[in-house]
């Protein structure tokens, strides 16, 4: 069998596999959250989100709404070196992102059924 026919069979099978995969995954909420940041942020987003009094005061004083906080929880970076992930019963995570060109740090207490944003602050 010539090399050209082998490539033809390979790419034909590959195309059929892509069509079958697209058919089975169509409409499903399949995601590829393999990195540690993505897994933690997805875990936090999947829970009921609560805000502490300090966070609500900061948000009202700086005119920040919950959509901006949710954007940080979607696109932000988890600072694992400063986080206390093994604290019992709830781990503490520092999530960093940007709100209107200001670097922002969220302190999130991630419990089993609820995630509480304890503190919001601008960092340099």
PDB file of N, CA and C in Angstrom:
ATOM      1  N   UNK A   1       0.854  -1.167   0.000  1.00  0.00           N
ATOM      2  CA  UNK A   1       0.000   0.000   0.000  1.00  0.00           C
ATOM      3  C   UNK A   1       0.905   1.236   0.000  1.00  0.00           C
ATOM      4  N   UNK A   2       0.584   2.171  -0.843  1.00  0.00           N
ATOM      5  CA  UNK A   2       1.429   3.358  -0.967  1.00  0.00           C
ATOM      6  C   UNK A   2       1.193   4.304   0.210  1.00  0.00           C
ATOM      7  N   UNK A   3       2.139   5.176   0.394  1.00  0.00           N
ATOM      8  CA  UNK A   3       2.090   6.133   1.494  1.00  0.00           C
ATOM      9  C   UNK A   3       0.894   7.070   1.362  1.00  0.00           C
ATOM     10  N   UNK A   4       0.565   7.438   0.143  1.00  0.00           N
ATOM     11  CA  UNK A   4      -0.562   8.334  -0.085  1.00  0.00           C
ATOM     12  C   UNK A   4      -1.886   7.684   0.330  1.00  0.00           C
ATOM     13  N   UNK A   5      -2.059   6.408   0.057  1.00  0.00           N
ATOM     14  CA  UNK A   5      -3.276   5.707   0.469  1.00  0.00           C
ATOM     15  C   UNK A   5      -3.339   5.589   1.989  1.00  0.00           C
ATOM     16  N   UNK A   6      -2.206   5.364   2.630  1.00  0.00           N
ATOM     17  CA  UNK A   6      -2.186   5.284   4.090  1.00  0.00           C
ATOM     18  C   UNK A   6      -2.645   6.589   4.721  1.00  0.00           C
ATOM     19  N   UNK A   7      -2.122   7.716   4.209  1.00  0.00           N
ATOM     20  CA  UNK A   7      -2.562   9.017   4.711  1.00  0.00           C
ATOM     21  C   UNK A   7      -4.055   9.222   4.465  1.00  0.00           C
ATOM     22  N   UNK A   8      -4.536   8.790   3.313  1.00  0.00           N
ATOM     23  CA  UNK A   8      -5.962   8.911   2.999  1.00  0.00           C
ATOM     24  C   UNK A   8      -6.820   8.144   3.994  1.00  0.00           C
ATOM     25  N   UNK A   9      -6.442   6.893   4.284  1.00  0.00           N
ATOM     26  CA  UNK A   9      -7.186   6.095   5.267  1.00  0.00           C
ATOM     27  C   UNK A   9      -7.114   6.710   6.667  1.00  0.00           C
ATOM     28  N   UNK A  10      -5.934   7.193   7.027  1.00  0.00           N
ATOM     29  CA  UNK A  10      -5.769   7.800   8.351  1.00  0.00           C
ATOM     30  C   UNK A  10      -6.666   9.022   8.507  1.00  0.00           C
ATOM     31  N   UNK A  11      -6.573   9.954   7.562  1.00  0.00           N
ATOM     32  CA  UNK A  11      -7.364  11.179   7.674  1.00  0.00           C
ATOM     33  C   UNK A  11      -8.854  10.911   7.499  1.00  0.00           C
ATOM     34  N   UNK A  12      -9.231   9.917   6.714  1.00  0.00           N
ATOM     35  CA  UNK A  12     -10.637   9.537   6.596  1.00  0.00           C
ATOM     36  C   UNK A  12     -11.177   9.031   7.922  1.00  0.00           C
ATOM     37  N   UNK A  13     -10.431   8.157   8.586  1.00  0.00           N
ATOM     38  CA  UNK A  13     -10.839   7.658   9.896  1.00  0.00           C
ATOM     39  C   UNK A  13     -10.848   8.749  10.947  1.00  0.00           C
ATOM     40  N   UNK A  14      -9.880   9.642  10.864  1.00  0.00           N
ATOM     41  CA  UNK A  14      -9.813  10.766  11.797  1.00  0.00           C
ATOM     42  C   UNK A  14     -11.034  11.667  11.640  1.00  0.00           C
ATOM     43  N   UNK A  15     -11.436  11.942  10.405  1.00  0.00           N
ATOM     44  CA  UNK A  15     -12.599  12.785  10.144  1.00  0.00           C
ATOM     45  C   UNK A  15     -13.873  12.117  10.651  1.00  0.00           C
ATOM     46  N   UNK A  16     -14.009  10.819  10.439  1.00  0.00           N
ATOM     47  CA  UNK A  16     -15.184  10.097  10.939  1.00  0.00           C
ATOM     48  C   UNK A  16     -15.218  10.153  12.466  1.00  0.00           C
ATOM     49  N   UNK A  17     -14.069   9.987  13.101  1.00  0.00           N
ATOM     50  CA  UNK A  17     -13.996  10.081  14.561  1.00  0.00           C
ATOM     51  C   UNK A  17     -14.395  11.450  15.077  1.00  0.00           C
ATOM     52  N   UNK A  18     -13.982  12.514  14.394  1.00  0.00           N
ATOM     53  CA  UNK A  18     -14.372  13.867  14.804  1.00  0.00           C
ATOM     54  C   UNK A  18     -15.880  14.077  14.685  1.00  0.00           C
ATOM     55  N   UNK A  19     -16.472  13.554  13.622  1.00  0.00           N
ATOM     56  CA  UNK A  19     -17.915  13.691  13.445  1.00  0.00           C
ATOM     57  C   UNK A  19     -18.655  12.945  14.552  1.00  0.00           C
ATOM     58  N   UNK A  20     -18.220  11.738  14.866  1.00  0.00           N
ATOM     59  CA  UNK A  20     -18.857  10.962  15.933  1.00  0.00           C
ATOM     60  C   UNK A  20     -18.688  11.660  17.271  1.00  0.00           C
ATOM     61  N   UNK A  21     -17.504  12.186  17.539  1.00  0.00           N
ATOM     62  CA  UNK A  21     -17.258  12.897  18.786  1.00  0.00           C
ATOM     63  C   UNK A  21     -18.130  14.139  18.891  1.00  0.00           C
ATOM     64  N   UNK A  22     -18.239  14.899  17.815  1.00  0.00           N
ATOM     65  CA  UNK A  22     -19.083  16.095  17.822  1.00  0.00           C
ATOM     66  C   UNK A  22     -20.543  15.719  18.038  1.00  0.00           C
ATOM     67  N   UNK A  23     -20.978  14.589  17.492  1.00  0.00           N
ATOM     68  CA  UNK A  23     -22.356  14.142  17.664  1.00  0.00           C
ATOM     69  C   UNK A  23     -22.643  13.799  19.120  1.00  0.00           C
ATOM     70  N   UNK A  24     -21.732  13.094  19.790  1.00  0.00           N
ATOM     71  CA  UNK A  24     -21.965  12.694  21.171  1.00  0.00           C
ATOM     72  C   UNK A  24     -21.808  13.845  22.164  1.00  0.00           C
ATOM     73  N   UNK A  25     -20.937  14.790  21.879  1.00  0.00           N
ATOM     74  CA  UNK A  25     -20.703  15.893  22.806  1.00  0.00           C
ATOM     75  C   UNK A  25     -21.548  17.122  22.504  1.00  0.00           C
ATOM     76  N   UNK A  26     -22.345  17.070  21.462  1.00  0.00           N
ATOM     77  CA  UNK A  26     -23.163  18.217  21.094  1.00  0.00           C
ATOM     78  C   UNK A  26     -24.209  18.484  22.175  1.00  0.00           C
ATOM     79  N   UNK A  27     -24.204  19.699  22.722  1.00  0.00           N
ATOM     80  CA  UNK A  27     -25.180  20.084  23.729  1.00  0.00           C
ATOM     81  C   UNK A  27     -24.788  19.710  25.144  1.00  0.00           C
ATOM     82  N   UNK A  28     -23.698  19.020  25.333  1.00  0.00           N
ATOM     83  CA  UNK A  28     -23.274  18.659  26.682  1.00  0.00           C
ATOM     84  C   UNK A  28     -22.322  19.729  27.198  1.00  0.00           C
ATOM     85  N   UNK A  29     -22.266  19.838  28.495  1.00  0.00           N
ATOM     86  CA  UNK A  29     -21.368  20.824  29.096  1.00  0.00           C
ATOM     87  C   UNK A  29     -20.021  20.175  29.380  1.00  0.00           C
ATOM     88  N   UNK A  30     -19.374  19.726  28.336  1.00  0.00           N
ATOM     89  CA  UNK A  30     -18.058  19.111  28.483  1.00  0.00           C
ATOM     90  C   UNK A  30     -17.005  20.211  28.556  1.00  0.00           C
ATOM     91  N   UNK A  31     -16.064  20.052  29.461  1.00  0.00           N
ATOM     92  CA  UNK A  31     -15.003  21.040  29.589  1.00  0.00           C
ATOM     93  C   UNK A  31     -13.680  20.328  29.838  1.00  0.00           C
ATOM     94  N   UNK A  32     -12.618  21.058  29.622  1.00  0.00           N
ATOM     95  CA  UNK A  32     -11.275  20.502  29.781  1.00  0.00           C
ATOM     96  C   UNK A  32     -10.542  21.274  30.864  1.00  0.00           C
ATOM     97  N   UNK A  33     -10.978  21.129  32.081  1.00  0.00           N
ATOM     98  CA  UNK A  33     -10.363  21.825  33.209  1.00  0.00           C
ATOM     99  C   UNK A  33      -9.352  20.891  33.868  1.00  0.00           C
ATOM    100  N   UNK A  34      -8.156  20.845  33.300  1.00  0.00           N
ATOM    101  CA  UNK A  34      -7.151  19.925  33.804  1.00  0.00           C
ATOM    102  C   UNK A  34      -6.132  20.593  34.710  1.00  0.00           C
ATOM    103  N   UNK A  35      -5.923  21.880  34.564  1.00  0.00           N
ATOM    104  CA  UNK A  35      -4.940  22.565  35.388  1.00  0.00           C
ATOM    105  C   UNK A  35      -5.462  22.809  36.794  1.00  0.00           C
ATOM    106  N   UNK A  36      -4.576  22.994  37.759  1.00  0.00           N
ATOM    107  CA  UNK A  36      -5.026  23.221  39.137  1.00  0.00           C
ATOM    108  C   UNK A  36      -5.837  24.510  39.288  1.00  0.00           C
ATOM    109  N   UNK A  37      -5.431  25.587  38.600  1.00  0.00           N
ATOM    110  CA  UNK A  37      -6.187  26.840  38.668  1.00  0.00           C
ATOM    111  C   UNK A  37      -7.613  26.636  38.180  1.00  0.00           C
ATOM    112  N   UNK A  38      -7.751  26.007  37.041  1.00  0.00           N
ATOM    113  CA  UNK A  38      -9.070  25.821  36.436  1.00  0.00           C
ATOM    114  C   UNK A  38      -9.963  24.944  37.305  1.00  0.00           C
ATOM    115  N   UNK A  39      -9.393  23.911  37.910  1.00  0.00           N
ATOM    116  CA  UNK A  39     -10.198  23.026  38.764  1.00  0.00           C
ATOM    117  C   UNK A  39     -10.699  23.752  40.006  1.00  0.00           C
ATOM    118  N   UNK A  40      -9.825  24.543  40.637  1.00  0.00           N
ATOM    119  CA  UNK A  40     -10.224  25.275  41.846  1.00  0.00           C
ATOM    120  C   UNK A  40     -11.280  26.317  41.509  1.00  0.00           C
ATOM    121  N   UNK A  41     -11.069  27.078  40.434  1.00  0.00           N
ATOM    122  CA  UNK A  41     -12.031  28.119  40.071  1.00  0.00           C
ATOM    123  C   UNK A  41     -13.376  27.513  39.681  1.00  0.00           C
ATOM    124  N   UNK A  42     -13.360  26.393  38.993  1.00  0.00           N
ATOM    125  CA  UNK A  42     -14.614  25.728  38.636  1.00  0.00           C
ATOM    126  C   UNK A  42     -15.331  25.233  39.888  1.00  0.00           C
ATOM    127  N   UNK A  43     -14.575  24.712  40.842  1.00  0.00           N
ATOM    128  CA  UNK A  43     -15.154  24.244  42.098  1.00  0.00           C
ATOM    129  C   UNK A  43     -15.805  25.399  42.843  1.00  0.00           C
ATOM    130  N   UNK A  44     -15.151  26.548  42.887  1.00  0.00           N
ATOM    131  CA  UNK A  44     -15.696  27.721  43.580  1.00  0.00           C
ATOM    132  C   UNK A  44     -16.953  28.212  42.868  1.00  0.00           C
ATOM    133  N   UNK A  45     -16.918  28.276  41.541  1.00  0.00           N
ATOM    134  CA  UNK A  45     -18.072  28.768  40.778  1.00  0.00           C
ATOM    135  C   UNK A  45     -19.280  27.848  40.892  1.00  0.00           C
ATOM    136  N   UNK A  46     -19.058  26.575  41.154  1.00  0.00           N
ATOM    137  CA  UNK A  46     -20.172  25.632  41.205  1.00  0.00           C
ATOM    138  C   UNK A  46     -20.959  25.706  42.512  1.00  0.00           C
ATOM    139  N   UNK A  47     -20.464  26.450  43.477  1.00  0.00           N
ATOM    140  CA  UNK A  47     -21.107  26.526  44.791  1.00  0.00           C
ATOM    141  C   UNK A  47     -21.867  27.835  44.943  1.00  0.00           C
ATOM    142  N   UNK A  48     -22.680  27.883  45.982  1.00  0.00           N
ATOM    143  CA  UNK A  48     -23.363  29.127  46.322  1.00  0.00           C
ATOM    144  C   UNK A  48     -22.323  30.138  46.765  1.00  0.00           C
ATOM    145  N   UNK A  49     -22.396  31.336  46.202  1.00  0.00           N
ATOM    146  CA  UNK A  49     -21.397  32.366  46.487  1.00  0.00           C
ATOM    147  C   UNK A  49     -21.970  33.359  47.483  1.00  0.00           C
ATOM    148  N   UNK A  50     -21.239  33.594  48.582  1.00  0.00           N
ATOM    149  CA  UNK A  50     -21.648  34.553  49.608  1.00  0.00           C
ATOM    150  C   UNK A  50     -20.548  35.601  49.765  1.00  0.00           C
ATOM    151  N   UNK A  51     -20.925  36.757  50.280  1.00  0.00           N
ATOM    152  CA  UNK A  51     -19.984  37.857  50.472  1.00  0.00           C
ATOM    153  C   UNK A  51     -19.976  38.258  51.938  1.00  0.00           C
ATOM    154  N   UNK A  52     -18.796  38.479  52.486  1.00  0.00           N
ATOM    155  CA  UNK A  52     -18.690  38.960  53.865  1.00  0.00           C
ATOM    156  C   UNK A  52     -19.008  40.452  53.895  1.00  0.00           C
ATOM    157  N   UNK A  53     -19.136  40.995  55.104  1.00  0.00           N
ATOM    158  CA  UNK A  53     -19.409  42.431  55.238  1.00  0.00           C
ATOM    159  C   UNK A  53     -18.273  43.272  54.677  1.00  0.00           C
ATOM    160  N   UNK A  54     -17.020  42.849  54.914  1.00  0.00           N
ATOM    161  CA  UNK A  54     -15.870  43.596  54.379  1.00  0.00           C
ATOM    162  C   UNK A  54     -15.913  43.642  52.858  1.00  0.00           C
ATOM    163  N   UNK A  55     -16.240  42.530  52.240  1.00  0.00           N
ATOM    164  CA  UNK A  55     -16.296  42.479  50.783  1.00  0.00           C
ATOM    165  C   UNK A  55     -17.421  43.360  50.254  1.00  0.00           C
ATOM    166  N   UNK A  56     -18.571  43.327  50.895  1.00  0.00           N
ATOM    167  CA  UNK A  56     -19.690  44.156  50.445  1.00  0.00           C
ATOM    168  C   UNK A  56     -19.398  45.642  50.603  1.00  0.00           C
ATOM    169  N   UNK A  57     -18.721  46.012  51.681  1.00  0.00           N
ATOM    170  CA  UNK A  57     -18.354  47.421  51.888  1.00  0.00           C
ATOM    171  C   UNK A  57     -17.371  47.869  50.810  1.00  0.00           C
ATOM    172  N   UNK A  58     -16.381  47.035  50.515  1.00  0.00           N
ATOM    173  CA  UNK A  58     -15.411  47.382  49.470  1.00  0.00           C
ATOM    174  C   UNK A  58     -16.105  47.504  48.122  1.00  0.00           C
ATOM    175  N   UNK A  59     -17.002  46.571  47.821  1.00  0.00           N
ATOM    176  CA  UNK A  59     -17.699  46.602  46.534  1.00  0.00           C
ATOM    177  C   UNK A  59     -18.565  47.846  46.393  1.00  0.00           C
ATOM    178  N   UNK A  60     -19.250  48.236  47.444  1.00  0.00           N
ATOM    179  CA  UNK A  60     -20.101  49.429  47.362  1.00  0.00           C
ATOM    180  C   UNK A  60     -19.263  50.707  47.293  1.00  0.00           C
ATOM    181  N   UNK A  61     -18.125  50.746  47.972  1.00  0.00           N
ATOM    182  CA  UNK A  61     -17.296  51.962  47.952  1.00  0.00           C
ATOM    183  C   UNK A  61     -16.586  52.148  46.618  1.00  0.00           C
ATOM    184  N   UNK A  62     -16.282  51.063  45.920  1.00  0.00           N
ATOM    185  CA  UNK A  62     -15.574  51.151  44.644  1.00  0.00           C
ATOM    186  C   UNK A  62     -16.491  50.933  43.439  1.00  0.00           C
ATOM    187  N   UNK A  63     -17.792  50.832  43.667  1.00  0.00           N
ATOM    188  CA  UNK A  63     -18.780  50.604  42.609  1.00  0.00           C
ATOM    189  C   UNK A  63     -18.457  49.353  41.786  1.00  0.00           C
ATOM    190  N   UNK A  64     -18.244  48.262  42.472  1.00  0.00           N
ATOM    191  CA  UNK A  64     -17.968  46.973  41.837  1.00  0.00           C
ATOM    192  C   UNK A  64     -19.215  46.112  41.987  1.00  0.00           C
ATOM    193  N   UNK A  65     -19.652  45.519  40.884  1.00  0.00           N
ATOM    194  CA  UNK A  65     -20.812  44.635  40.979  1.00  0.00           C
ATOM    195  C   UNK A  65     -20.361  43.169  40.908  1.00  0.00           C
ATOM    196  N   UNK A  66     -21.310  42.282  41.091  1.00  0.00           N
ATOM    197  CA  UNK A  66     -20.980  40.857  41.189  1.00  0.00           C
ATOM    198  C   UNK A  66     -20.513  40.267  39.858  1.00  0.00           C
ATOM    199  N   UNK A  67     -20.865  40.892  38.746  1.00  0.00           N
ATOM    200  CA  UNK A  67     -20.402  40.360  37.458  1.00  0.00           C
ATOM    201  C   UNK A  67     -18.887  40.491  37.326  1.00  0.00           C
ATOM    202  N   UNK A  68     -18.331  41.543  37.879  1.00  0.00           N
ATOM    203  CA  UNK A  68     -16.869  41.707  37.831  1.00  0.00           C
ATOM    204  C   UNK A  68     -16.181  40.691  38.733  1.00  0.00           C
ATOM    205  N   UNK A  69     -16.797  40.386  39.856  1.00  0.00           N
ATOM    206  CA  UNK A  69     -16.245  39.370  40.748  1.00  0.00           C
ATOM    207  C   UNK A  69     -16.331  38.004  40.077  1.00  0.00           C
ATOM    208  N   UNK A  70     -17.465  37.727  39.442  1.00  0.00           N
ATOM    209  CA  UNK A  70     -17.616  36.455  38.732  1.00  0.00           C
ATOM    210  C   UNK A  70     -16.626  36.329  37.581  1.00  0.00           C
ATOM    211  N   UNK A  71     -16.299  37.445  36.931  1.00  0.00           N
ATOM    212  CA  UNK A  71     -15.306  37.407  35.860  1.00  0.00           C
ATOM    213  C   UNK A  71     -13.931  37.019  36.410  1.00  0.00           C
ATOM    214  N   UNK A  72     -13.569  37.542  37.573  1.00  0.00           N
ATOM    215  CA  UNK A  72     -12.305  37.154  38.199  1.00  0.00           C
ATOM    216  C   UNK A  72     -12.339  35.669  38.558  1.00  0.00           C
ATOM    217  N   UNK A  73     -13.472  35.196  39.046  1.00  0.00           N
ATOM    218  CA  UNK A  73     -13.586  33.774  39.382  1.00  0.00           C
ATOM    219  C   UNK A  73     -13.604  32.888  38.139  1.00  0.00           C
ATOM    220  N   UNK A  74     -13.809  33.484  36.975  1.00  0.00           N
ATOM    221  CA  UNK A  74     -13.778  32.722  35.727  1.00  0.00           C
ATOM    222  C   UNK A  74     -12.406  32.777  35.063  1.00  0.00           C
ATOM    223  N   UNK A  75     -11.798  33.951  35.034  1.00  0.00           N
ATOM    224  CA  UNK A  75     -10.536  34.146  34.315  1.00  0.00           C
ATOM    225  C   UNK A  75      -9.329  34.407  35.211  1.00  0.00           C
ATOM    226  N   UNK A  76      -9.504  34.431  36.519  1.00  0.00           N
ATOM    227  CA  UNK A  76      -8.422  34.788  37.422  1.00  0.00           C
ATOM    228  C   UNK A  76      -7.394  33.688  37.607  1.00  0.00           C
ATOM    229  N   UNK A  77      -6.377  34.010  38.366  1.00  0.00           N
ATOM    230  CA  UNK A  77      -5.299  33.074  38.704  1.00  0.00           C
ATOM    231  C   UNK A  77      -5.312  32.836  40.210  1.00  0.00           C
ATOM    232  N   UNK A  78      -5.165  31.580  40.598  1.00  0.00           N
ATOM    233  CA  UNK A  78      -5.111  31.238  42.015  1.00  0.00           C
ATOM    234  C   UNK A  78      -3.652  31.305  42.466  1.00  0.00           C
ATOM    235  N   UNK A  79      -3.393  32.058  43.519  1.00  0.00           N
ATOM    236  CA  UNK A  79      -2.054  32.172  44.080  1.00  0.00           C
ATOM    237  C   UNK A  79      -1.909  31.090  45.152  1.00  0.00           C
ATOM    238  N   UNK A  80      -1.420  29.923  44.736  1.00  0.00           N
ATOM    239  CA  UNK A  80      -1.334  28.790  45.651  1.00  0.00           C
ATOM    240  C   UNK A  80      -0.265  28.979  46.722  1.00  0.00           C
ATOM    241  N   UNK A  81       0.772  29.757  46.435  1.00  0.00           N
ATOM    242  CA  UNK A  81       1.845  29.913  47.422  1.00  0.00           C
ATOM    243  C   UNK A  81       1.383  30.702  48.643  1.00  0.00           C
ATOM    244  N   UNK A  82       0.430  31.610  48.469  1.00  0.00           N
ATOM    245  CA  UNK A  82      -0.081  32.385  49.605  1.00  0.00           C
ATOM    246  C   UNK A  82      -1.407  31.841  50.137  1.00  0.00           C
ATOM    247  N   UNK A  83      -1.973  30.846  49.478  1.00  0.00           N
ATOM    248  CA  UNK A  83      -3.249  30.261  49.907  1.00  0.00           C
ATOM    249  C   UNK A  83      -3.017  29.215  50.983  1.00  0.00           C
ATOM    250  N   UNK A  84      -4.050  28.977  51.768  1.00  0.00           N
ATOM    251  CA  UNK A  84      -4.023  27.925  52.784  1.00  0.00           C
ATOM    252  C   UNK A  84      -5.047  26.869  52.369  1.00  0.00           C
ATOM    253  N   UNK A  85      -4.650  26.026  51.429  1.00  0.00           N
ATOM    254  CA  UNK A  85      -5.582  25.099  50.801  1.00  0.00           C
ATOM    255  C   UNK A  85      -5.965  23.935  51.704  1.00  0.00           C
ATOM    256  N   UNK A  86      -5.164  23.617  52.677  1.00  0.00           N
ATOM    257  CA  UNK A  86      -5.424  22.453  53.531  1.00  0.00           C
ATOM    258  C   UNK A  86      -6.077  22.812  54.865  1.00  0.00           C
ATOM    259  N   UNK A  87      -6.477  24.059  55.024  1.00  0.00           N
ATOM    260  CA  UNK A  87      -7.112  24.486  56.270  1.00  0.00           C
ATOM    261  C   UNK A  87      -8.445  23.754  56.434  1.00  0.00           C
ATOM    262  N   UNK A  88      -8.713  23.309  57.632  1.00  0.00           N
ATOM    263  CA  UNK A  88      -9.958  22.591  57.931  1.00  0.00           C
ATOM    264  C   UNK A  88     -10.918  23.526  58.635  1.00  0.00           C
ATOM    265  N   UNK A  89     -12.165  23.494  58.381  1.00  0.00           N
ATOM    266  CA  UNK A  89     -12.904  22.668  57.433  1.00  0.00           C
ATOM    267  C   UNK A  89     -12.968  23.276  56.036  1.00  0.00           C
ATOM    268  N   UNK A  90     -12.535  24.529  55.874  1.00  0.00           N
ATOM    269  CA  UNK A  90     -12.644  25.204  54.580  1.00  0.00           C
ATOM    270  C   UNK A  90     -11.287  25.762  54.160  1.00  0.00           C
ATOM    271  N   UNK A  91     -10.887  25.483  52.936  1.00  0.00           N
ATOM    272  CA  UNK A  91      -9.631  26.013  52.418  1.00  0.00           C
ATOM    273  C   UNK A  91      -9.761  27.487  52.067  1.00  0.00           C
ATOM    274  N   UNK A  92      -8.650  28.199  52.187  1.00  0.00           N
ATOM    275  CA  UNK A  92      -8.599  29.626  51.859  1.00  0.00           C
ATOM    276  C   UNK A  92      -7.779  29.774  50.574  1.00  0.00           C
ATOM    277  N   UNK A  93      -8.370  30.411  49.571  1.00  0.00           N
ATOM    278  CA  UNK A  93      -7.706  30.605  48.287  1.00  0.00           C
ATOM    279  C   UNK A  93      -7.625  32.091  47.982  1.00  0.00           C
ATOM    280  N   UNK A  94      -6.479  32.513  47.456  1.00  0.00           N
ATOM    281  CA  UNK A  94      -6.293  33.882  46.994  1.00  0.00           C
ATOM    282  C   UNK A  94      -6.375  33.869  45.473  1.00  0.00           C
ATOM    283  N   UNK A  95      -7.385  34.535  44.945  1.00  0.00           N
ATOM    284  CA  UNK A  95      -7.616  34.580  43.502  1.00  0.00           C
ATOM    285  C   UNK A  95      -7.305  35.993  43.037  1.00  0.00           C
ATOM    286  N   UNK A  96      -6.462  36.101  42.028  1.00  0.00           N
ATOM    287  CA  UNK A  96      -6.036  37.408  41.535  1.00  0.00           C
ATOM    288  C   UNK A  96      -6.519  37.618  40.115  1.00  0.00           C
ATOM    289  N   UNK A  97      -6.938  38.838  39.835  1.00  0.00           N
ATOM    290  CA  UNK A  97      -7.408  39.206  38.504  1.00  0.00           C
ATOM    291  C   UNK A  97      -7.427  40.719  38.373  1.00  0.00           C
ATOM    292  N   UNK A  98      -8.096  41.209  37.331  1.00  0.00           N
ATOM    293  CA  UNK A  98      -8.157  42.648  37.093  1.00  0.00           C
ATOM    294  C   UNK A  98      -9.592  43.124  37.052  1.00  0.00           C
ATOM    295  N   UNK A  99      -9.817  44.261  37.700  1.00  0.00           N
ATOM    296  CA  UNK A  99     -11.079  44.985  37.596  1.00  0.00           C
ATOM    297  C   UNK A  99     -10.734  46.393  37.151  1.00  0.00           C
ATOM    298  N   UNK A 100     -11.153  46.755  35.955  1.00  0.00           N
ATOM    299  CA  UNK A 100     -10.909  48.095  35.405  1.00  0.00           C
ATOM    300  C   UNK A 100      -9.447  48.511  35.544  1.00  0.00           C
ATOM    301  N   UNK A 101      -8.552  47.682  35.070  1.00  0.00           N
ATOM    302  CA  UNK A 101      -7.107  47.929  35.070  1.00  0.00           C
ATOM    303  C   UNK A 101      -6.483  47.956  36.462  1.00  0.00           C
ATOM    304  N   UNK A 102      -7.224  47.605  37.484  1.00  0.00           N
ATOM    305  CA  UNK A 102      -6.672  47.499  38.834  1.00  0.00           C
ATOM    306  C   UNK A 102      -6.483  46.021  39.169  1.00  0.00           C
ATOM    307  N   UNK A 103      -5.271  45.661  39.567  1.00  0.00           N
ATOM    308  CA  UNK A 103      -5.049  44.291  40.017  1.00  0.00           C
ATOM    309  C   UNK A 103      -5.815  44.082  41.311  1.00  0.00           C
ATOM    310  N   UNK A 104      -6.581  43.024  41.344  1.00  0.00           N
ATOM    311  CA  UNK A 104      -7.483  42.774  42.465  1.00  0.00           C
ATOM    312  C   UNK A 104      -7.230  41.392  43.024  1.00  0.00           C
ATOM    313  N   UNK A 105      -7.300  41.276  44.340  1.00  0.00           N
ATOM    314  CA  UNK A 105      -7.132  39.985  45.013  1.00  0.00           C
ATOM    315  C   UNK A 105      -8.388  39.681  45.817  1.00  0.00           C
ATOM    316  N   UNK A 106      -8.940  38.496  45.574  1.00  0.00           N
ATOM    317  CA  UNK A 106     -10.082  38.010  46.336  1.00  0.00           C
ATOM    318  C   UNK A 106      -9.596  36.952  47.310  1.00  0.00           C
ATOM    319  N   UNK A 107     -10.048  37.011  48.536  1.00  0.00           N
ATOM    320  CA  UNK A 107      -9.789  35.951  49.504  1.00  0.00           C
ATOM    321  C   UNK A 107     -11.069  35.142  49.624  1.00  0.00           C
ATOM    322  N   UNK A 108     -10.998  33.892  49.153  1.00  0.00           N
ATOM    323  CA  UNK A 108     -12.186  33.045  49.078  1.00  0.00           C
ATOM    324  C   UNK A 108     -12.041  31.887  50.055  1.00  0.00           C
ATOM    325  N   UNK A 109     -13.051  31.715  50.904  1.00  0.00           N
ATOM    326  CA  UNK A 109     -13.112  30.577  51.810  1.00  0.00           C
ATOM    327  C   UNK A 109     -13.999  29.531  51.150  1.00  0.00           C
ATOM    328  N   UNK A 110     -13.384  28.438  50.712  1.00  0.00           N
ATOM    329  CA  UNK A 110     -14.071  27.426  49.913  1.00  0.00           C
ATOM    330  C   UNK A 110     -14.483  26.259  50.798  1.00  0.00           C
ATOM    331  N   UNK A 111     -15.749  26.261  51.221  1.00  0.00           N
ATOM    332  CA  UNK A 111     -16.288  25.173  52.040  1.00  0.00           C
ATOM    333  C   UNK A 111     -16.951  24.138  51.139  1.00  0.00           C
ATOM    334  N   UNK A 112     -17.569  23.152  51.755  1.00  0.00           N
ATOM    335  CA  UNK A 112     -18.129  22.049  50.982  1.00  0.00           C
ATOM    336  C   UNK A 112     -19.337  22.461  50.144  1.00  0.00           C
ATOM    337  N   UNK A 113     -20.189  23.308  50.676  1.00  0.00           N
ATOM    338  CA  UNK A 113     -21.396  23.686  49.941  1.00  0.00           C
ATOM    339  C   UNK A 113     -21.478  25.168  49.612  1.00  0.00           C
ATOM    340  N   UNK A 114     -20.611  25.972  50.201  1.00  0.00           N
ATOM    341  CA  UNK A 114     -20.670  27.419  49.991  1.00  0.00           C
ATOM    342  C   UNK A 114     -19.252  27.972  49.856  1.00  0.00           C
ATOM    343  N   UNK A 115     -19.116  28.975  49.006  1.00  0.00           N
ATOM    344  CA  UNK A 115     -17.846  29.695  48.871  1.00  0.00           C
ATOM    345  C   UNK A 115     -18.099  31.140  49.300  1.00  0.00           C
ATOM    346  N   UNK A 116     -17.314  31.606  50.265  1.00  0.00           N
ATOM    347  CA  UNK A 116     -17.501  32.946  50.812  1.00  0.00           C
ATOM    348  C   UNK A 116     -16.324  33.819  50.431  1.00  0.00           C
ATOM    349  N   UNK A 117     -16.617  34.965  49.845  1.00  0.00           N
ATOM    350  CA  UNK A 117     -15.566  35.938  49.548  1.00  0.00           C
ATOM    351  C   UNK A 117     -15.402  36.788  50.795  1.00  0.00           C
ATOM    352  N   UNK A 118     -14.293  36.567  51.496  1.00  0.00           N
ATOM    353  CA  UNK A 118     -14.058  37.262  52.762  1.00  0.00           C
ATOM    354  C   UNK A 118     -13.486  38.650  52.583  1.00  0.00           C
ATOM    355  N   UNK A 119     -12.633  38.835  51.573  1.00  0.00           N
ATOM    356  CA  UNK A 119     -11.950  40.123  51.422  1.00  0.00           C
ATOM    357  C   UNK A 119     -11.691  40.378  49.950  1.00  0.00           C
ATOM    358  N   UNK A 120     -11.791  41.644  49.565  1.00  0.00           N
ATOM    359  CA  UNK A 120     -11.436  42.101  48.232  1.00  0.00           C
ATOM    360  C   UNK A 120     -10.499  43.281  48.426  1.00  0.00           C
ATOM    361  N   UNK A 121      -9.395  43.271  47.676  1.00  0.00           N
ATOM    362  CA  UNK A 121      -8.448  44.373  47.813  1.00  0.00           C
ATOM    363  C   UNK A 121      -7.726  44.606  46.493  1.00  0.00           C
ATOM    364  N   UNK A 122      -7.356  45.854  46.276  1.00  0.00           N
ATOM    365  CA  UNK A 122      -6.508  46.197  45.133  1.00  0.00           C
ATOM    366  C   UNK A 122      -5.062  45.991  45.548  1.00  0.00           C
ATOM    367  N   UNK A 123      -4.263  45.418  44.662  1.00  0.00           N
ATOM    368  CA  UNK A 123      -2.844  45.199  44.948  1.00  0.00           C
ATOM    369  C   UNK A 123      -2.023  45.970  43.940  1.00  0.00           C
ATOM    370  N   UNK A 124      -0.797  46.274  44.296  1.00  0.00           N
ATOM    371  CA  UNK A 124       0.099  47.041  43.408  1.00  0.00           C
ATOM    372  C   UNK A 124       0.717  46.180  42.364  1.00  0.00           C
TER     373      UNK A 124
END
